[in-house]
Protein backbone atom coordinates (compact mmCIF):
# COMPACT_ATOMS: atom_id res chain seq x y z
CA UNK A 1 2.61 2.94 51.45
CA UNK A 2 4.16 5.78 49.45
CA UNK A 3 1.82 7.62 47.15
CA UNK A 4 3.01 8.43 43.65
CA UNK A 5 3.18 12.02 42.46
CA UNK A 6 -0.03 11.47 40.53
CA UNK A 7 -1.90 10.37 43.68
CA UNK A 8 -0.24 12.23 46.59
CA UNK A 9 -1.69 15.07 48.63
CA UNK A 10 -0.58 18.30 46.95
CA UNK A 11 0.29 21.71 48.30
CA UNK A 12 -3.03 22.94 46.94
CA UNK A 13 -4.88 20.29 49.00
CA UNK A 14 -2.99 21.28 52.15
CA UNK A 15 -3.58 25.02 51.74
CA UNK A 16 -7.31 24.24 51.57
CA UNK A 17 -7.31 22.56 55.00
CA UNK A 18 -9.44 24.55 57.50
CA UNK A 19 -6.60 24.97 60.01
CA UNK A 20 -4.42 26.70 57.39
CA UNK A 21 -7.26 28.69 55.90
CA UNK A 22 -8.03 30.02 59.42
CA UNK A 23 -4.35 30.96 59.86
CA UNK A 24 -4.47 33.13 56.72
CA UNK A 25 -1.66 31.27 54.97
CA UNK A 26 -0.30 32.55 51.65
CA UNK A 27 1.82 30.81 49.01
CA UNK A 28 4.64 33.16 48.00
CA UNK A 29 5.63 31.11 44.95
CA UNK A 30 4.52 30.50 41.41
CA UNK A 31 1.08 28.92 40.95
CA UNK A 32 2.75 25.86 39.39
CA UNK A 33 4.01 24.96 42.88
CA UNK A 34 0.44 24.19 43.93
CA UNK A 35 0.82 20.75 42.35
CA UNK A 36 3.89 19.93 44.48
CA UNK A 37 3.21 16.54 46.17
CA UNK A 38 3.55 16.41 49.97
CA UNK A 39 4.47 13.11 51.56
CA UNK A 40 4.61 14.13 55.24
CA UNK A 41 4.97 17.07 57.67
CA UNK A 42 8.00 17.81 59.84
CA UNK A 43 8.68 20.60 62.34
CA UNK A 44 12.21 22.03 62.03
CA UNK A 45 13.18 24.43 64.77
CA UNK A 46 16.69 23.12 65.50
CA UNK A 47 19.89 23.50 63.48
CA UNK A 48 19.85 19.73 62.77
CA UNK A 49 16.33 19.82 61.30
CA UNK A 50 17.55 19.25 57.75
CA UNK A 51 19.32 16.06 58.79
CA UNK A 52 16.13 14.44 60.02
CA UNK A 53 14.03 14.45 56.86
CA UNK A 54 13.77 11.86 54.08
CA UNK A 55 12.32 13.99 51.29
CA UNK A 56 8.86 15.11 50.27
CA UNK A 57 8.06 16.83 53.57
CA UNK A 58 6.30 20.10 54.28
CA UNK A 59 8.60 21.80 56.78
CA UNK A 60 7.08 23.91 59.55
CA UNK A 61 9.23 26.53 61.32
CA UNK A 62 8.90 29.62 63.44
CA UNK A 63 12.11 30.89 61.86
CA UNK A 64 14.30 30.14 64.86
CA UNK A 65 16.27 27.48 63.00
CA UNK A 66 16.90 29.62 59.94
CA UNK A 67 19.70 31.72 61.39
CA UNK A 68 20.14 35.41 62.11
CA UNK A 69 22.09 36.47 59.00
CA UNK A 70 21.38 36.05 55.32
CA UNK A 71 24.34 33.66 54.72
CA UNK A 72 23.17 31.47 57.64
CA UNK A 73 19.65 31.39 56.26
CA UNK A 74 20.96 30.52 52.78
CA UNK A 75 22.93 27.57 54.17
CA UNK A 76 19.93 26.30 56.13
CA UNK A 77 17.57 26.53 53.16
CA UNK A 78 20.16 24.81 50.96
CA UNK A 79 20.40 21.92 53.45
CA UNK A 80 16.61 21.49 53.41
CA UNK A 81 16.39 21.61 49.64
CA UNK A 82 19.29 19.17 49.24
CA UNK A 83 17.56 16.79 51.67
CA UNK A 84 14.46 16.80 49.48
CA UNK A 85 12.10 19.17 51.29
CA UNK A 86 8.88 19.68 49.31
CA UNK A 87 7.78 23.03 50.79
CA UNK A 88 8.46 25.42 53.67
CA UNK A 89 5.89 27.07 55.96
CA UNK A 90 7.10 29.94 58.15
CA UNK A 91 5.00 31.15 61.06
CA UNK A 92 4.97 34.94 61.33
CA UNK A 93 4.53 36.57 64.71
CA UNK A 94 6.53 34.39 67.08
CA UNK A 95 10.21 34.66 66.10
CA UNK A 96 9.83 36.73 62.92
CA UNK A 97 7.59 39.76 62.83
CA UNK A 98 7.92 39.88 59.06
CA UNK A 99 9.51 37.74 56.36
CA UNK A 100 13.08 38.75 55.44
CA UNK A 101 13.40 39.49 51.73
CA UNK A 102 16.50 37.32 51.41
CA UNK A 103 14.50 34.24 52.48
CA UNK A 104 11.88 34.90 49.80
CA UNK A 105 14.52 35.42 47.11
CA UNK A 106 16.59 32.36 48.04
CA UNK A 107 13.55 30.07 48.21
CA UNK A 108 12.58 31.30 44.76
CA UNK A 109 16.13 30.71 43.50
CA UNK A 110 16.13 27.13 44.88
CA UNK A 111 12.53 26.58 43.72
CA UNK A 112 11.36 25.73 47.24
CA UNK A 113 7.64 26.59 47.61
CA UNK A 114 7.31 29.12 50.44
CA UNK A 115 4.22 29.60 52.61
CA UNK A 116 3.73 32.22 55.33
CA UNK A 117 1.01 32.63 57.94
CA UNK A 118 -0.74 35.84 58.88
CA UNK A 119 -0.10 35.12 62.55
CA UNK A 120 0.52 32.42 65.08
CA UNK A 121 -0.65 28.89 64.28
CA UNK A 122 -0.48 25.69 66.32
CA UNK A 123 1.93 23.33 64.53
CA UNK A 124 0.34 20.38 66.29
CA UNK A 125 -3.00 21.13 64.61
CA UNK A 126 -1.31 21.58 61.22
CA UNK A 127 0.59 18.30 61.61
CA UNK A 128 -2.51 16.38 62.65
CA UNK A 129 -4.60 17.82 59.80
CA UNK A 130 -2.01 17.10 57.10
CA UNK A 131 -1.16 13.62 58.39
CA UNK A 132 -4.86 12.80 58.60
CA UNK A 133 -5.34 13.90 54.96
CA UNK A 134 -2.31 11.87 53.81
CA UNK A 135 -3.42 8.74 55.65
CA UNK A 136 -6.98 9.15 54.37
CA UNK A 137 -5.68 9.33 50.81
CA UNK A 138 -3.57 6.24 51.38
CA UNK A 139 -6.54 4.38 52.85
CA UNK A 140 -8.65 5.30 49.82
CA UNK A 141 -5.93 3.98 47.55
CA UNK A 142 -5.71 0.71 49.49
CA UNK A 143 -9.47 0.31 49.03
CA UNK A 144 -9.15 0.99 45.28
CA UNK A 145 -6.30 -1.48 44.93
CA UNK A 146 -8.33 -4.09 46.78
CA UNK A 147 -11.30 -3.45 44.51
CA UNK A 148 -9.09 -3.93 41.44
CA UNK A 149 -7.73 -7.16 42.92
CA UNK A 150 -11.20 -8.50 43.59
CA UNK A 151 -12.56 -7.53 40.17
CA UNK A 152 -9.79 -9.31 38.26
CA UNK A 153 -9.80 -12.33 40.56
CA UNK A 154 -13.56 -12.60 40.09
CA UNK A 155 -13.12 -12.53 36.31
CA UNK A 156 -10.37 -15.16 36.46
CA UNK A 157 -12.38 -17.34 38.83
CA UNK A 158 -15.29 -17.28 36.39
CA UNK A 159 -12.94 -18.01 33.45
CA UNK A 160 -13.66 -14.73 31.69
CA UNK A 161 -12.60 -14.63 28.06
CA UNK A 162 -10.02 -12.24 26.63
CA UNK A 163 -12.73 -9.93 25.23
CA UNK A 164 -14.17 -9.35 28.70
CA UNK A 165 -10.73 -8.83 30.24
CA UNK A 166 -9.79 -6.19 27.67
CA UNK A 167 -13.07 -4.32 28.12
CA UNK A 168 -12.71 -4.45 31.90
CA UNK A 169 -9.15 -3.12 31.73
CA UNK A 170 -10.22 -0.25 29.48
CA UNK A 171 -13.09 0.66 31.80
CA UNK A 172 -10.90 0.57 34.91
CA UNK A 173 -8.30 2.84 33.32
CA UNK A 174 -10.74 4.90 31.25
CA UNK A 175 -8.17 4.59 28.44
CA UNK A 176 -7.93 2.79 25.08
CA UNK A 177 -6.45 -0.72 25.32
CA UNK A 178 -4.95 -2.93 22.59
CA UNK A 179 -3.97 -6.61 22.76
CA UNK A 180 -1.59 -7.87 20.06
CA UNK A 181 0.06 -11.19 19.21
CA UNK A 182 3.77 -11.81 18.61
CA UNK A 183 3.40 -10.98 14.91
CA UNK A 184 2.22 -7.48 15.94
CA UNK A 185 -1.33 -8.17 14.77
CA UNK A 186 -4.15 -6.70 16.83
CA UNK A 187 -6.28 -9.38 18.47
CA UNK A 188 -8.65 -7.13 20.40
CA UNK A 189 -9.02 -3.47 21.18
CA UNK A 190 -11.22 -1.25 23.30
CA UNK A 191 -11.07 2.16 21.67
CA UNK A 192 -12.66 4.29 24.41
CA UNK A 193 -13.30 7.72 22.91
CA UNK A 194 -10.83 7.22 20.06
CA UNK A 195 -11.83 6.24 16.54
CA UNK A 196 -10.53 2.70 15.90
CA UNK A 197 -8.83 3.86 12.70
CA UNK A 198 -6.96 6.60 14.59
CA UNK A 199 -6.09 4.30 17.46
CA UNK A 200 -4.66 1.60 15.15
CA UNK A 201 -3.19 3.70 12.32
CA UNK A 202 0.13 2.16 11.23
CA UNK A 203 -0.02 -0.28 14.13
CA UNK A 204 2.29 -3.03 12.88
CA UNK A 205 5.13 -0.64 12.02
CA UNK A 206 4.92 1.21 15.33
CA UNK A 207 4.71 -1.98 17.36
CA UNK A 208 7.72 -3.51 15.62
CA UNK A 209 9.73 -0.36 16.33
CA UNK A 210 8.81 -0.42 20.01
CA UNK A 211 9.67 -4.11 20.27
CA UNK A 212 13.04 -3.49 18.61
CA UNK A 213 13.83 -0.55 20.91
CA UNK A 214 13.23 -2.71 24.00
CA UNK A 215 14.55 -6.04 22.73
CA UNK A 216 17.59 -5.83 25.01
CA UNK A 217 15.32 -5.95 28.05
CA UNK A 218 14.02 -9.40 27.18
CA UNK A 219 10.45 -10.17 28.16
CA UNK A 220 9.02 -7.27 30.09
CA UNK A 221 7.34 -8.17 33.39
CA UNK A 222 6.60 -4.54 34.27
CA UNK A 223 4.98 -1.93 32.02
CA UNK A 224 7.22 0.24 29.86
CA UNK A 225 6.27 3.62 28.37
CA UNK A 226 7.05 4.49 24.74
CA UNK A 227 6.27 7.47 22.54
CA UNK A 228 4.06 7.24 19.48
CA UNK A 229 6.38 7.90 16.51
CA UNK A 230 3.55 9.58 14.60
CA UNK A 231 2.45 11.85 17.46
CA UNK A 232 4.99 12.98 20.04
CA UNK A 233 2.20 14.08 22.38
CA UNK A 234 0.87 10.52 22.67
CA UNK A 235 2.48 7.85 24.82
CA UNK A 236 1.75 4.15 25.14
CA UNK A 237 2.58 1.78 27.97
CA UNK A 238 2.86 -1.95 27.34
CA UNK A 239 3.43 -5.16 29.26
CA UNK A 240 4.15 -8.68 27.98
CA UNK A 241 1.66 -11.52 28.29
CA UNK A 242 3.84 -14.46 29.29
CA UNK A 243 3.83 -17.51 31.51
CA UNK A 244 5.63 -20.82 31.98
CA UNK A 245 8.30 -19.76 29.51
CA UNK A 246 5.76 -18.97 26.77
CA UNK A 247 5.27 -15.51 25.29
CA UNK A 248 1.91 -14.84 23.61
CA UNK A 249 1.77 -11.11 22.97
CA UNK A 250 1.55 -7.67 24.56
CA UNK A 251 -1.04 -5.47 26.19
CA UNK A 252 -0.88 -1.77 25.29
CA UNK A 253 -2.59 1.15 27.03
CA UNK A 254 -2.72 4.52 25.31
CA UNK A 255 -1.85 7.43 27.60
CA UNK A 256 -1.16 5.35 30.73
CA UNK A 257 0.82 7.12 33.47
CA UNK A 258 3.06 4.54 35.12
CA UNK A 259 3.86 6.63 38.21
CA UNK A 260 0.18 6.22 39.05
CA UNK A 261 0.00 3.21 41.39
CA UNK A 262 -3.54 2.33 40.32
CA UNK A 263 -2.61 2.29 36.62
CA UNK A 264 0.47 0.16 37.26
CA UNK A 265 -1.54 -2.20 39.47
CA UNK A 266 -4.32 -2.52 36.89
CA UNK A 267 -1.93 -3.27 34.01
CA UNK A 268 -0.13 -5.95 36.03
CA UNK A 269 -3.41 -7.60 37.01
CA UNK A 270 -4.69 -7.42 33.44
CA UNK A 271 -1.50 -9.10 32.19
CA UNK A 272 -1.81 -11.78 34.88
CA UNK A 273 -5.49 -12.41 34.03
CA UNK A 274 -4.73 -12.68 30.31
CA UNK A 275 -1.85 -15.06 31.03
CA UNK A 276 -4.07 -17.31 33.13
CA UNK A 277 -6.80 -17.18 30.47
CA UNK A 278 -4.25 -18.20 27.86
CA UNK A 279 -2.77 -21.00 29.98
CA UNK A 280 -6.27 -22.37 30.58
CA UNK A 281 -7.17 -22.50 26.89
CA UNK A 282 -7.24 -26.03 25.46
CA UNK A 283 -6.80 -24.67 21.94
CA UNK A 284 -3.21 -23.55 21.24
CA UNK A 285 -4.55 -21.36 18.43
CA UNK A 286 -7.17 -19.68 20.65
CA UNK A 287 -5.91 -16.13 20.11
CA UNK A 288 -5.50 -16.65 16.36
CA UNK A 289 -9.10 -17.86 16.16
CA UNK A 290 -10.19 -14.91 18.29
CA UNK A 291 -8.30 -12.38 16.17
CA UNK A 292 -9.81 -13.67 12.94
CA UNK A 293 -13.30 -14.04 14.40
CA UNK A 294 -13.23 -10.43 15.61
CA UNK A 295 -11.85 -9.25 12.28
CA UNK A 296 -14.62 -11.04 10.35
CA UNK A 297 -17.21 -9.72 12.79
CA UNK A 298 -16.08 -6.18 12.03
CA UNK A 299 -16.34 -6.89 8.30
CA UNK A 300 -19.83 -8.37 8.61
CA UNK A 301 -21.17 -5.69 10.96
CA UNK A 302 -19.57 -2.93 8.88
CA UNK A 303 -19.60 -0.47 11.81
CA UNK A 304 -17.16 2.10 10.45
CA UNK A 305 -17.59 5.68 9.36
CA UNK A 306 -15.26 5.38 6.35
CA UNK A 307 -13.93 2.66 4.05
CA UNK A 308 -10.38 3.80 4.83
CA UNK A 309 -11.08 3.39 8.53
CA UNK A 310 -12.21 -0.17 7.93
CA UNK A 311 -9.04 -0.87 5.93
CA UNK A 312 -6.83 0.49 8.71
CA UNK A 313 -8.42 -1.79 11.31
CA UNK A 314 -8.26 -4.84 9.03
CA UNK A 315 -4.58 -4.12 8.34
CA UNK A 316 -3.91 -3.95 12.08
CA UNK A 317 -5.48 -7.45 12.24
CA UNK A 318 -3.03 -8.66 9.60
CA UNK A 319 -5.41 -8.61 6.60
CA UNK A 320 -4.68 -6.20 3.73
CA UNK A 321 -7.08 -5.16 0.97
CA UNK A 322 -5.26 -2.46 -1.05
CA UNK A 323 -3.51 -3.87 -4.13
CA UNK A 324 -4.80 -7.34 -3.34
CA UNK A 325 -6.89 -10.00 -5.06
CA UNK A 326 -9.79 -10.61 -2.68
CA UNK A 327 -12.10 -13.56 -2.19
CA UNK A 328 -15.16 -13.78 0.04
CA UNK A 329 -16.09 -17.38 0.70
CA UNK A 330 -18.09 -19.76 2.80
CA UNK A 331 -17.26 -23.44 3.33
CA UNK A 332 -20.10 -25.83 4.04
CA UNK A 333 -19.75 -29.42 5.12
CA UNK A 334 -21.79 -32.17 6.74
CA UNK A 335 -19.27 -32.19 9.57
CA UNK A 336 -17.70 -29.46 11.68
CA UNK A 337 -14.56 -28.16 10.01
CA UNK A 338 -11.43 -27.38 12.01
CA UNK A 339 -10.53 -23.70 11.70
CA UNK A 340 -6.86 -24.52 12.15
CA UNK A 341 -6.98 -27.08 9.31
CA UNK A 342 -8.81 -24.71 6.96
CA UNK A 343 -6.43 -21.88 7.80
CA UNK A 344 -3.33 -24.04 7.32
CA UNK A 345 -4.30 -25.40 3.90
CA UNK A 346 -5.21 -21.94 2.61
CA UNK A 347 -2.01 -20.35 3.92
CA UNK A 348 -0.03 -23.14 2.24
CA UNK A 349 -1.11 -21.78 -1.16
CA UNK A 350 1.53 -19.06 -1.13
CA UNK A 351 3.56 -16.99 1.37
CA UNK A 352 1.73 -13.83 0.27
CA UNK A 353 -1.74 -15.22 1.06
CA UNK A 354 -3.61 -13.81 4.07
CA UNK A 355 -6.78 -15.38 5.44
CA UNK A 356 -9.39 -14.92 8.14
CA UNK A 357 -11.63 -17.83 9.06
CA UNK A 358 -14.38 -18.25 11.65
CA UNK A 359 -17.35 -20.49 12.18
CA UNK A 360 -20.70 -19.06 11.05
CA UNK A 361 -22.42 -17.56 14.09
CA UNK A 362 -25.57 -19.65 13.47
CA UNK A 363 -24.13 -22.87 12.03
CA UNK A 364 -20.94 -24.57 13.18
CA UNK A 365 -20.83 -26.64 9.94
CA UNK A 366 -20.18 -23.44 8.01
CA UNK A 367 -16.89 -21.58 7.93
CA UNK A 368 -16.85 -17.92 6.86
CA UNK A 369 -13.62 -16.99 5.15
CA UNK A 370 -11.95 -14.05 3.42
CA UNK A 371 -8.74 -14.47 1.42
CA UNK A 372 -6.25 -11.84 0.24
CA UNK A 373 -3.27 -12.25 -2.08
CA UNK A 374 -0.92 -10.08 -4.11
CA UNK A 375 -2.91 -8.87 -7.13
CA UNK A 376 0.24 -8.72 -9.27
CA UNK A 377 0.70 -12.44 -8.75
CA UNK A 378 -2.86 -13.71 -8.58
CA UNK A 379 -6.10 -13.30 -10.49
CA UNK A 380 -9.10 -13.74 -8.22
CA UNK A 381 -10.57 -16.58 -10.31
CA UNK A 382 -7.24 -18.41 -10.34
CA UNK A 383 -6.88 -17.95 -6.60
CA UNK A 384 -10.35 -19.43 -6.07
CA UNK A 385 -9.46 -22.55 -8.07
CA UNK A 386 -6.15 -23.03 -6.28
CA UNK A 387 -7.95 -22.60 -2.94
CA UNK A 388 -10.45 -25.28 -3.99
CA UNK A 389 -7.61 -27.68 -4.78
CA UNK A 390 -5.95 -26.92 -1.45
CA UNK A 391 -9.19 -27.54 0.47
CA UNK A 392 -9.44 -30.97 -1.13
CA UNK A 393 -6.57 -31.92 1.15
CA UNK A 394 -8.94 -31.81 4.11
CA UNK A 395 -10.44 -35.08 2.86
CA UNK A 396 -14.07 -34.16 3.43
CA UNK A 397 -16.96 -33.13 1.16
CA UNK A 398 -17.21 -29.33 1.03
CA UNK A 399 -19.28 -26.80 -0.84
CA UNK A 400 -16.92 -23.89 -1.51
CA UNK A 401 -18.98 -20.74 -2.14
CA UNK A 402 -16.80 -18.00 -3.60
CA UNK A 403 -17.24 -14.39 -4.69
CA UNK A 404 -14.29 -13.20 -6.78
CA UNK A 405 -15.46 -9.63 -7.35
CA UNK A 406 -14.83 -7.84 -4.01
CA UNK A 407 -12.71 -4.71 -4.24
CA UNK A 408 -12.64 -3.76 -0.57
CA UNK A 409 -14.14 -4.31 2.89
CA UNK A 410 -17.68 -3.24 1.95
CA UNK A 411 -17.75 -5.61 -1.04
CA UNK A 412 -16.47 -8.42 1.20
CA UNK A 413 -19.24 -7.71 3.68
CA UNK A 414 -21.90 -7.67 0.97
CA UNK A 415 -20.67 -10.94 -0.54
CA UNK A 416 -20.57 -12.73 2.82
CA UNK A 417 -24.11 -11.64 3.63
CA UNK A 418 -25.30 -12.77 0.21
CA UNK A 419 -23.70 -16.20 0.61
CA UNK A 420 -25.20 -16.67 4.05
CA UNK A 421 -28.70 -16.51 2.53
CA UNK A 422 -27.99 -19.18 -0.10
CA UNK A 423 -29.04 -22.78 0.41
CA UNK A 424 -26.40 -25.44 0.91
CA UNK A 425 -25.50 -27.77 -1.97
CA UNK A 426 -22.91 -30.00 -0.32
CA UNK A 427 -21.45 -32.58 -2.74
CA UNK A 428 -21.16 -36.24 -1.88
CA UNK A 429 -17.38 -36.13 -2.23
CA UNK A 430 -14.63 -33.63 -2.94
CA UNK A 431 -14.79 -29.83 -2.96
CA UNK A 432 -17.42 -28.24 -5.19
CA UNK A 433 -16.65 -24.66 -6.21
CA UNK A 434 -19.80 -22.57 -6.48
CA UNK A 435 -19.52 -18.99 -7.62
CA UNK A 436 -21.51 -16.27 -5.92
CA UNK A 437 -20.19 -13.21 -7.72
CA UNK A 438 -22.35 -10.16 -7.37
CA UNK A 439 -23.84 -8.14 -10.18
CA UNK A 440 -24.54 -4.42 -10.40
CA UNK A 441 -28.05 -4.89 -9.06
CA UNK A 442 -26.69 -6.64 -5.95
CA UNK A 443 -24.36 -3.73 -5.32
CA UNK A 444 -27.17 -1.21 -5.66
CA UNK A 445 -29.42 -3.17 -3.29
CA UNK A 446 -26.60 -3.52 -0.76
CA UNK A 447 -26.07 0.23 -0.86
CA UNK A 448 -29.79 0.98 -0.49
CA UNK A 449 -30.17 -1.61 2.28
CA UNK A 450 -28.90 0.94 4.83
CA UNK A 451 -31.85 3.24 4.04
CA UNK A 452 -34.56 2.75 6.68
CA UNK A 453 -37.26 3.19 4.04
CA UNK A 454 -35.86 0.27 2.04
CA UNK A 455 -35.58 -1.80 5.21
CA UNK A 456 -39.20 -0.99 6.05
CA UNK A 457 -40.29 -2.01 2.55
CA UNK A 458 -38.63 -5.43 2.89
CA UNK A 459 -39.93 -6.04 6.41
CA UNK A 460 -43.49 -4.91 5.64
CA UNK A 461 -43.78 -6.85 2.38
CA UNK A 462 -42.42 -10.10 3.80
CA UNK A 463 -43.88 -9.87 7.31
CA UNK A 464 -46.61 -12.54 6.83
CA UNK A 465 -44.04 -15.11 5.67
CA UNK A 466 -41.56 -14.13 8.40
CA UNK A 467 -44.24 -14.51 11.07
CA UNK A 468 -45.33 -17.86 9.62
CA UNK A 469 -41.76 -19.17 9.77
CA UNK A 470 -41.29 -17.91 13.33
CA UNK A 471 -44.53 -19.42 14.60
CA UNK A 472 -44.31 -22.75 12.77
CA UNK A 473 -40.54 -23.26 12.63
CA UNK A 474 -40.86 -23.46 8.84
CA UNK A 475 -38.61 -22.21 6.05
CA UNK A 476 -40.90 -20.47 3.59
CA UNK A 477 -38.40 -17.60 3.28
CA UNK A 478 -35.79 -20.09 2.03
CA UNK A 479 -38.34 -21.45 -0.44
CA UNK A 480 -39.21 -17.95 -1.66
CA UNK A 481 -35.54 -17.00 -2.06
CA UNK A 482 -34.88 -20.16 -4.08
CA UNK A 483 -37.89 -19.56 -6.32
CA UNK A 484 -36.65 -16.07 -7.06
CA UNK A 485 -33.22 -17.47 -7.97
CA UNK A 486 -34.86 -19.79 -10.53
CA UNK A 487 -37.55 -17.63 -12.14
CA UNK A 488 -37.93 -19.87 -15.21
CA UNK A 489 -37.60 -23.33 -13.68
CA UNK A 490 -39.67 -24.65 -10.82
CA UNK A 491 -37.95 -28.02 -11.32
CA UNK A 492 -34.54 -26.45 -10.61
CA UNK A 493 -35.94 -24.78 -7.49
CA UNK A 494 -37.45 -28.08 -6.29
CA UNK A 495 -34.14 -29.87 -6.89
CA UNK A 496 -32.15 -27.26 -4.93
CA UNK A 497 -34.66 -27.43 -2.07
CA UNK A 498 -34.68 -31.25 -2.17
CA UNK A 499 -38.47 -31.21 -2.54
CA UNK A 500 -40.87 -32.97 -4.84
CA UNK A 501 -42.71 -30.73 -7.29
CA UNK A 502 -45.95 -31.45 -5.40
CA UNK A 503 -44.42 -30.27 -2.09
CA UNK A 504 -42.97 -27.22 -3.80
CA UNK A 505 -46.30 -26.20 -5.34
CA UNK A 506 -47.92 -26.61 -1.93
CA UNK A 507 -45.41 -24.17 -0.46
CA UNK A 508 -45.92 -21.77 -3.35
CA UNK A 509 -49.65 -21.77 -2.68
CA UNK A 510 -49.03 -20.96 1.00
CA UNK A 511 -46.67 -18.11 0.09
CA UNK A 512 -49.11 -16.65 -2.41
CA UNK A 513 -51.94 -16.86 0.12
CA UNK A 514 -49.93 -15.22 2.90
CA UNK A 515 -48.62 -12.41 0.71
CA UNK A 516 -51.72 -12.03 -1.48
CA UNK A 517 -49.63 -12.28 -4.67
CA UNK A 518 -49.41 -14.37 -7.83
CA UNK A 519 -45.86 -15.50 -8.55
CA UNK A 520 -46.80 -16.00 -12.20
CA UNK A 521 -47.35 -12.26 -12.58
CA UNK A 522 -44.26 -10.31 -13.54
CA UNK A 523 -45.13 -7.32 -11.36
CA UNK A 524 -45.67 -9.44 -8.25
CA UNK A 525 -42.54 -11.49 -8.95
CA UNK A 526 -40.40 -8.36 -9.36
CA UNK A 527 -41.81 -6.77 -6.20
CA UNK A 528 -41.06 -9.85 -4.12
CA UNK A 529 -37.60 -10.17 -5.63
CA UNK A 530 -36.85 -6.57 -4.64
CA UNK A 531 -38.30 -7.12 -1.14
CA UNK A 532 -36.19 -10.26 -0.53
CA UNK A 533 -33.01 -8.62 -1.78
CA UNK A 534 -33.61 -5.49 0.30
CA UNK A 535 -34.37 -7.66 3.34
CA UNK A 536 -31.10 -9.61 3.09
CA UNK A 537 -29.12 -6.62 1.90
CA UNK A 538 -27.77 -8.34 -1.21
């Protein structure tokens, strides 16, 4: 096995070997030569020594083969350099009592690192020590390569999903990793120590440029390194995810060094694992579903330091918010809706429409959805109605909850959380549009929800009801939320809850007893309303 320059034993490593330290060796070259990789050691004490090397060797000589005159020594050194010698060690005290100045000058001119000893040294000991170090390094690398093989094969054997494969690749390389589809939309990323917004800034444009620059190569089976057009100091390496004549996307690694065998090996295995994962997926739209599910998860979790950062990541996923009419929505049905069908009917509205759909994490009969369209062409309310008409083509009864007021990622997050807390009102037939637009109070509560004191207020106030629901598998919190939505009509609350008035009043009595309140008192009603809104964050 040949070690790459990034992994090989260097001149610095060799000079630190005990046998050379004991010989008082000195490097008579620039300090930059310390990083010179050494592949092997060869003793050259015959005129034909330069003809017997392959390149990358540390040459050991007593000086006998150098020649007696300066021109002879120049020719000998030139032969060694032209043959690829990595460094030259001259033993002082056997043939040469001191180093001729012309040798020092010519080695410097030819940039051949020159080492001298303070006295005699046994070349056999030097050769054994260096070869042992080289072989030890190679053995360590074999062990590392085997470990990488086993880790990826274990993941593939256990049918690991793409998320786990991307995280594993990033951990192995200790570098940021990005997986994209053929439309240059980011499916997954592992940012490492980079901010996601910095990692993915202008992603689609950069990726398209890289793809165009390497289009003549066809599908790339080995990693290729490209420069970041926005930062010349940053490089990316990418490899195609392809198999059985199908091309699904590309895997990018930021800052990967491809002359590092371990990096190259890891990227190839990651591409193979992702290909096998993709071939084993029964759903042909698996990566589209994954991309949109991860994008919606980022919206809902809202784990970004800035709004602009959130926008950058959403744009890398293929969903734009600036200059767009935005809808936050939730579809509810008595049967499980197909994400592909929902996506297709919504995208059929107009070529400029972008959507993200995913099943609700707690209810597979709910589909969480965000929709974006050109604001110069669409009003949000009009877009909602057209979407309702398009969804009717699914041929199933759907409650279509819609918020038409979002102005960015945070508003989308707030609206989706608010909808999730609302009770279902699924119609018997058709698609029923139900508006869930927020008001100023909702926005204020959503903002204050991040304050731990507000969170504590909601948790403390509602704790008896929350504990009752947890212990008895009841839904008093749903009842309380519905009552607060219908402050002037218990009949409307009972109808929405599908309860008789008698059953509703029984629940009210239980709530009042647990919380020690009177829902007929304005102060108690307002306090509970504030607690519920602060608890749900909307």
